[in-house]
Amino acid sequence: MNRRIILTTSLAILMAGLSALPAAALDRRVTIVNDTNYTIMKFYGSNKGTDSWEEDILGRDVLRPGQSVRIDFDDGTGYCKFDFRAVFDDDDVLVAKDINVCKIGTYTYN
């Protein structure tokens, strides 16, 4: 095989690998802040590639007024866009769509 072809192919593979690194290395941790007068009983965050809310991220915990929690949304899919769903103790449900967890560090309910 020609050396130039091998070198070109090797460079192309290297560049493809390097261009994938930034997406994989993005920080997907977001602090969820409850700046309301109500307790968040359940919280869901699902990537844009799924039709399901998955499981309640808080589990047995709740997010009381004035509290915050840091959540890592890195689910291994590479998605940055997530939909959030918060269920409050007064049965109110707030849904926020297309939240870019790779670009924000904090999301506040108020």
N, C-alpha and C. Protein backbone atom coordinates (compact mmCIF):
# COMPACT_ATOMS: atom_id res chain seq x y z
N MET A 1 0.85 -1.18 0.00
CA MET A 1 0.00 0.00 0.00
C MET A 1 0.89 1.25 0.00
N ASN A 2 0.46 2.25 -0.64
CA ASN A 2 1.19 3.50 -0.75
C ASN A 2 1.29 4.19 0.61
N ARG A 3 2.48 4.73 0.93
CA ARG A 3 2.68 5.42 2.21
C ARG A 3 1.76 6.61 2.39
N ARG A 4 1.51 7.33 1.33
CA ARG A 4 0.65 8.51 1.41
C ARG A 4 -0.77 8.10 1.80
N ILE A 5 -1.26 7.01 1.26
CA ILE A 5 -2.61 6.54 1.58
C ILE A 5 -2.67 6.13 3.05
N ILE A 6 -1.64 5.43 3.53
CA ILE A 6 -1.62 5.01 4.93
C ILE A 6 -1.57 6.24 5.84
N LEU A 7 -0.73 7.20 5.52
CA LEU A 7 -0.61 8.41 6.32
C LEU A 7 -1.92 9.20 6.31
N THR A 8 -2.54 9.34 5.16
CA THR A 8 -3.81 10.07 5.05
C THR A 8 -4.91 9.37 5.84
N THR A 9 -4.97 8.06 5.74
CA THR A 9 -5.97 7.30 6.48
C THR A 9 -5.74 7.42 7.98
N SER A 10 -4.50 7.33 8.41
CA SER A 10 -4.17 7.46 9.83
C SER A 10 -4.55 8.84 10.36
N LEU A 11 -4.25 9.87 9.59
CA LEU A 11 -4.62 11.24 10.00
C LEU A 11 -6.13 11.41 10.09
N ALA A 12 -6.85 10.84 9.15
CA ALA A 12 -8.32 10.94 9.16
C ALA A 12 -8.90 10.26 10.39
N ILE A 13 -8.36 9.10 10.75
CA ILE A 13 -8.84 8.40 11.94
C ILE A 13 -8.52 9.20 13.20
N LEU A 14 -7.32 9.76 13.27
CA LEU A 14 -6.92 10.57 14.41
C LEU A 14 -7.82 11.80 14.55
N MET A 15 -8.09 12.49 13.46
CA MET A 15 -8.93 13.68 13.50
C MET A 15 -10.36 13.34 13.91
N ALA A 16 -10.87 12.22 13.41
CA ALA A 16 -12.23 11.80 13.78
C ALA A 16 -12.30 11.54 15.28
N GLY A 17 -11.28 10.90 15.83
CA GLY A 17 -11.24 10.64 17.26
C GLY A 17 -11.14 11.90 18.08
N LEU A 18 -10.35 12.85 17.64
CA LEU A 18 -10.20 14.11 18.37
C LEU A 18 -11.46 14.95 18.32
N SER A 19 -12.18 14.91 17.21
CA SER A 19 -13.39 15.72 17.11
C SER A 19 -14.50 15.16 17.98
N ALA A 20 -14.44 13.88 18.31
CA ALA A 20 -15.45 13.28 19.18
C ALA A 20 -15.15 13.57 20.65
N LEU A 21 -13.93 13.88 20.99
CA LEU A 21 -13.54 14.12 22.37
C LEU A 21 -14.30 15.25 23.05
N PRO A 22 -14.45 16.42 22.44
CA PRO A 22 -15.13 17.50 23.14
C PRO A 22 -16.55 17.15 23.56
N ALA A 23 -17.31 16.45 22.72
CA ALA A 23 -18.69 16.10 23.07
C ALA A 23 -18.70 15.14 24.24
N ALA A 24 -17.77 14.20 24.26
CA ALA A 24 -17.73 13.23 25.34
C ALA A 24 -17.25 13.87 26.63
N ALA A 25 -16.43 14.90 26.53
CA ALA A 25 -15.83 15.51 27.71
C ALA A 25 -16.67 16.64 28.30
N LEU A 26 -17.80 16.97 27.71
CA LEU A 26 -18.62 18.07 28.21
C LEU A 26 -19.19 17.77 29.58
N ASP A 27 -19.22 18.79 30.42
CA ASP A 27 -19.76 18.66 31.77
C ASP A 27 -21.28 18.75 31.71
N ARG A 28 -21.94 17.71 32.16
CA ARG A 28 -23.40 17.65 32.14
C ARG A 28 -23.99 17.74 33.55
N ARG A 29 -23.20 18.25 34.50
CA ARG A 29 -23.69 18.41 35.87
C ARG A 29 -24.41 19.75 35.99
N VAL A 30 -25.62 19.69 36.54
CA VAL A 30 -26.45 20.88 36.70
C VAL A 30 -26.99 20.92 38.12
N THR A 31 -26.92 22.08 38.74
CA THR A 31 -27.51 22.27 40.06
C THR A 31 -28.96 22.69 39.87
N ILE A 32 -29.88 21.90 40.43
CA ILE A 32 -31.31 22.21 40.37
C ILE A 32 -31.65 22.93 41.67
N VAL A 33 -32.19 24.14 41.55
CA VAL A 33 -32.50 24.98 42.70
C VAL A 33 -34.02 25.11 42.83
N ASN A 34 -34.52 24.86 44.04
CA ASN A 34 -35.94 25.06 44.32
C ASN A 34 -36.11 26.40 45.02
N ASP A 35 -36.45 27.43 44.24
CA ASP A 35 -36.66 28.77 44.77
C ASP A 35 -38.16 29.08 44.82
N THR A 36 -38.95 28.04 45.12
CA THR A 36 -40.40 28.20 45.24
C THR A 36 -40.78 28.04 46.71
N ASN A 37 -42.06 28.14 47.00
CA ASN A 37 -42.57 27.90 48.35
C ASN A 37 -43.07 26.47 48.53
N TYR A 38 -42.82 25.61 47.55
CA TYR A 38 -43.32 24.25 47.57
C TYR A 38 -42.17 23.25 47.46
N THR A 39 -42.38 22.07 47.99
CA THR A 39 -41.37 21.02 47.94
C THR A 39 -41.49 20.26 46.62
N ILE A 40 -40.35 20.03 45.98
CA ILE A 40 -40.32 19.18 44.79
C ILE A 40 -40.25 17.75 45.28
N MET A 41 -41.30 16.99 45.00
CA MET A 41 -41.41 15.61 45.47
C MET A 41 -40.71 14.63 44.52
N LYS A 42 -40.77 14.93 43.23
CA LYS A 42 -40.16 14.08 42.21
C LYS A 42 -39.53 14.95 41.15
N PHE A 43 -38.42 14.48 40.60
CA PHE A 43 -37.75 15.21 39.53
C PHE A 43 -37.26 14.22 38.48
N TYR A 44 -37.55 14.55 37.23
CA TYR A 44 -37.15 13.69 36.11
C TYR A 44 -36.35 14.50 35.10
N GLY A 45 -35.39 13.89 34.49
CA GLY A 45 -34.63 14.50 33.42
C GLY A 45 -34.38 13.46 32.35
N SER A 46 -34.95 13.65 31.18
CA SER A 46 -34.83 12.67 30.11
C SER A 46 -34.23 13.32 28.87
N ASN A 47 -33.29 12.62 28.25
CA ASN A 47 -32.66 13.18 27.05
C ASN A 47 -33.65 13.21 25.90
N LYS A 48 -33.37 14.05 24.92
CA LYS A 48 -34.28 14.28 23.80
C LYS A 48 -34.46 13.05 22.91
N GLY A 49 -33.64 12.02 23.11
CA GLY A 49 -33.74 10.81 22.30
C GLY A 49 -34.68 9.77 22.86
N THR A 50 -35.32 10.06 23.99
CA THR A 50 -36.21 9.07 24.60
C THR A 50 -37.62 9.62 24.72
N ASP A 51 -38.58 8.71 24.74
CA ASP A 51 -39.99 9.09 24.89
C ASP A 51 -40.48 8.87 26.31
N SER A 52 -39.57 8.51 27.22
CA SER A 52 -39.94 8.15 28.58
C SER A 52 -39.29 9.12 29.56
N TRP A 53 -39.93 9.30 30.72
CA TRP A 53 -39.36 10.14 31.76
C TRP A 53 -38.33 9.38 32.60
N GLU A 54 -38.18 8.10 32.37
CA GLU A 54 -37.23 7.28 33.14
C GLU A 54 -37.64 7.28 34.61
N GLU A 55 -36.66 7.14 35.54
CA GLU A 55 -37.01 7.08 36.96
C GLU A 55 -36.87 8.45 37.62
N ASP A 56 -37.50 8.56 38.78
CA ASP A 56 -37.42 9.78 39.59
C ASP A 56 -35.98 9.91 40.09
N ILE A 57 -35.30 10.97 39.70
CA ILE A 57 -33.89 11.17 40.07
C ILE A 57 -33.73 11.37 41.57
N LEU A 58 -34.71 11.98 42.22
CA LEU A 58 -34.61 12.23 43.66
C LEU A 58 -34.78 10.96 44.49
N GLY A 59 -35.46 9.97 43.93
CA GLY A 59 -35.70 8.74 44.67
C GLY A 59 -36.51 9.00 45.92
N ARG A 60 -35.98 8.61 47.07
CA ARG A 60 -36.67 8.82 48.35
C ARG A 60 -36.52 10.24 48.87
N ASP A 61 -35.60 11.00 48.30
CA ASP A 61 -35.36 12.37 48.75
C ASP A 61 -36.38 13.33 48.14
N VAL A 62 -36.44 14.52 48.70
CA VAL A 62 -37.26 15.61 48.17
C VAL A 62 -36.38 16.86 48.14
N LEU A 63 -36.84 17.87 47.42
CA LEU A 63 -36.11 19.13 47.34
C LEU A 63 -37.00 20.23 47.94
N ARG A 64 -36.71 20.57 49.18
CA ARG A 64 -37.52 21.55 49.91
C ARG A 64 -37.24 22.97 49.41
N PRO A 65 -38.15 23.91 49.71
CA PRO A 65 -37.92 25.30 49.32
C PRO A 65 -36.55 25.79 49.82
N GLY A 66 -35.81 26.44 48.94
CA GLY A 66 -34.49 26.96 49.28
C GLY A 66 -33.36 25.96 49.13
N GLN A 67 -33.67 24.70 48.89
CA GLN A 67 -32.63 23.68 48.73
C GLN A 67 -32.23 23.54 47.27
N SER A 68 -31.08 22.90 47.08
CA SER A 68 -30.61 22.60 45.73
C SER A 68 -29.95 21.23 45.72
N VAL A 69 -29.82 20.67 44.54
CA VAL A 69 -29.16 19.38 44.37
C VAL A 69 -28.39 19.42 43.06
N ARG A 70 -27.22 18.84 43.05
CA ARG A 70 -26.39 18.78 41.84
C ARG A 70 -26.59 17.41 41.20
N ILE A 71 -26.99 17.43 39.93
CA ILE A 71 -27.31 16.20 39.21
C ILE A 71 -26.40 16.08 38.00
N ASP A 72 -25.85 14.89 37.81
CA ASP A 72 -25.03 14.60 36.63
C ASP A 72 -25.93 13.95 35.59
N PHE A 73 -26.19 14.66 34.50
CA PHE A 73 -27.07 14.17 33.45
C PHE A 73 -26.34 13.36 32.39
N ASP A 74 -25.08 13.02 32.63
CA ASP A 74 -24.32 12.21 31.67
C ASP A 74 -24.83 10.78 31.74
N ASP A 75 -25.71 10.44 30.80
CA ASP A 75 -26.31 9.10 30.78
C ASP A 75 -25.63 8.18 29.77
N GLY A 76 -24.50 8.62 29.22
CA GLY A 76 -23.75 7.80 28.28
C GLY A 76 -24.21 7.89 26.84
N THR A 77 -25.25 8.66 26.57
CA THR A 77 -25.78 8.76 25.21
C THR A 77 -25.12 9.88 24.41
N GLY A 78 -24.49 10.83 25.08
CA GLY A 78 -23.88 11.96 24.39
C GLY A 78 -24.83 13.13 24.20
N TYR A 79 -26.08 12.98 24.62
CA TYR A 79 -27.05 14.07 24.47
C TYR A 79 -26.73 15.22 25.42
N CYS A 80 -26.95 16.44 24.94
CA CYS A 80 -26.85 17.64 25.77
C CYS A 80 -28.22 18.21 26.07
N LYS A 81 -29.20 17.95 25.23
CA LYS A 81 -30.56 18.50 25.41
C LYS A 81 -31.42 17.52 26.20
N PHE A 82 -31.99 18.04 27.29
CA PHE A 82 -32.84 17.25 28.17
C PHE A 82 -34.14 17.98 28.44
N ASP A 83 -35.18 17.23 28.74
CA ASP A 83 -36.43 17.78 29.24
C ASP A 83 -36.47 17.50 30.74
N PHE A 84 -36.92 18.50 31.51
CA PHE A 84 -37.04 18.37 32.97
C PHE A 84 -38.51 18.32 33.34
N ARG A 85 -38.82 17.54 34.37
CA ARG A 85 -40.18 17.47 34.90
C ARG A 85 -40.10 17.46 36.42
N ALA A 86 -40.68 18.48 37.05
CA ALA A 86 -40.71 18.58 38.50
C ALA A 86 -42.15 18.44 38.98
N VAL A 87 -42.33 17.57 39.98
CA VAL A 87 -43.65 17.35 40.59
C VAL A 87 -43.58 17.90 42.01
N PHE A 88 -44.46 18.87 42.30
CA PHE A 88 -44.45 19.56 43.58
C PHE A 88 -45.47 18.96 44.55
N ASP A 89 -45.33 19.30 45.83
CA ASP A 89 -46.21 18.74 46.87
C ASP A 89 -47.65 19.23 46.76
N ASP A 90 -47.92 20.26 45.98
CA ASP A 90 -49.29 20.71 45.76
C ASP A 90 -49.87 20.11 44.47
N ASP A 91 -49.19 19.07 43.94
CA ASP A 91 -49.56 18.34 42.73
C ASP A 91 -49.36 19.14 41.43
N ASP A 92 -48.74 20.30 41.54
CA ASP A 92 -48.40 21.07 40.34
C ASP A 92 -47.23 20.36 39.66
N VAL A 93 -47.25 20.35 38.33
CA VAL A 93 -46.17 19.72 37.55
C VAL A 93 -45.64 20.76 36.57
N LEU A 94 -44.33 20.98 36.61
CA LEU A 94 -43.71 21.90 35.67
C LEU A 94 -42.76 21.13 34.76
N VAL A 95 -42.94 21.33 33.44
CA VAL A 95 -42.09 20.68 32.45
C VAL A 95 -41.31 21.76 31.71
N ALA A 96 -40.02 21.58 31.62
CA ALA A 96 -39.15 22.48 30.86
C ALA A 96 -38.49 21.65 29.77
N LYS A 97 -38.58 22.12 28.53
CA LYS A 97 -38.07 21.35 27.39
C LYS A 97 -36.79 21.95 26.83
N ASP A 98 -36.00 21.07 26.22
CA ASP A 98 -34.78 21.47 25.49
C ASP A 98 -33.76 22.21 26.35
N ILE A 99 -33.54 21.76 27.55
CA ILE A 99 -32.53 22.36 28.42
C ILE A 99 -31.18 21.81 28.02
N ASN A 100 -30.25 22.69 27.68
CA ASN A 100 -28.91 22.25 27.27
C ASN A 100 -28.03 22.12 28.51
N VAL A 101 -27.92 20.88 29.00
CA VAL A 101 -27.17 20.63 30.24
C VAL A 101 -25.66 20.76 30.03
N CYS A 102 -25.22 20.85 28.79
CA CYS A 102 -23.79 21.05 28.51
C CYS A 102 -23.40 22.53 28.60
N LYS A 103 -24.41 23.41 28.59
CA LYS A 103 -24.13 24.85 28.59
C LYS A 103 -24.53 25.56 29.87
N ILE A 104 -25.42 24.95 30.66
CA ILE A 104 -25.84 25.63 31.89
C ILE A 104 -25.25 24.91 33.10
N GLY A 105 -25.09 25.61 34.18
CA GLY A 105 -24.60 25.00 35.41
C GLY A 105 -25.67 24.96 36.49
N THR A 106 -26.71 25.79 36.29
CA THR A 106 -27.78 25.89 37.29
C THR A 106 -29.12 26.05 36.57
N TYR A 107 -30.15 25.38 37.11
CA TYR A 107 -31.51 25.57 36.64
C TYR A 107 -32.36 25.83 37.88
N THR A 108 -33.09 26.96 37.88
CA THR A 108 -33.84 27.38 39.06
C THR A 108 -35.34 27.34 38.81
N TYR A 109 -36.06 26.69 39.72
CA TYR A 109 -37.53 26.75 39.72
C TYR A 109 -37.91 27.89 40.65
N ASN A 110 -38.68 28.88 40.11
CA ASN A 110 -39.13 29.98 40.96
C ASN A 110 -40.52 30.41 40.59
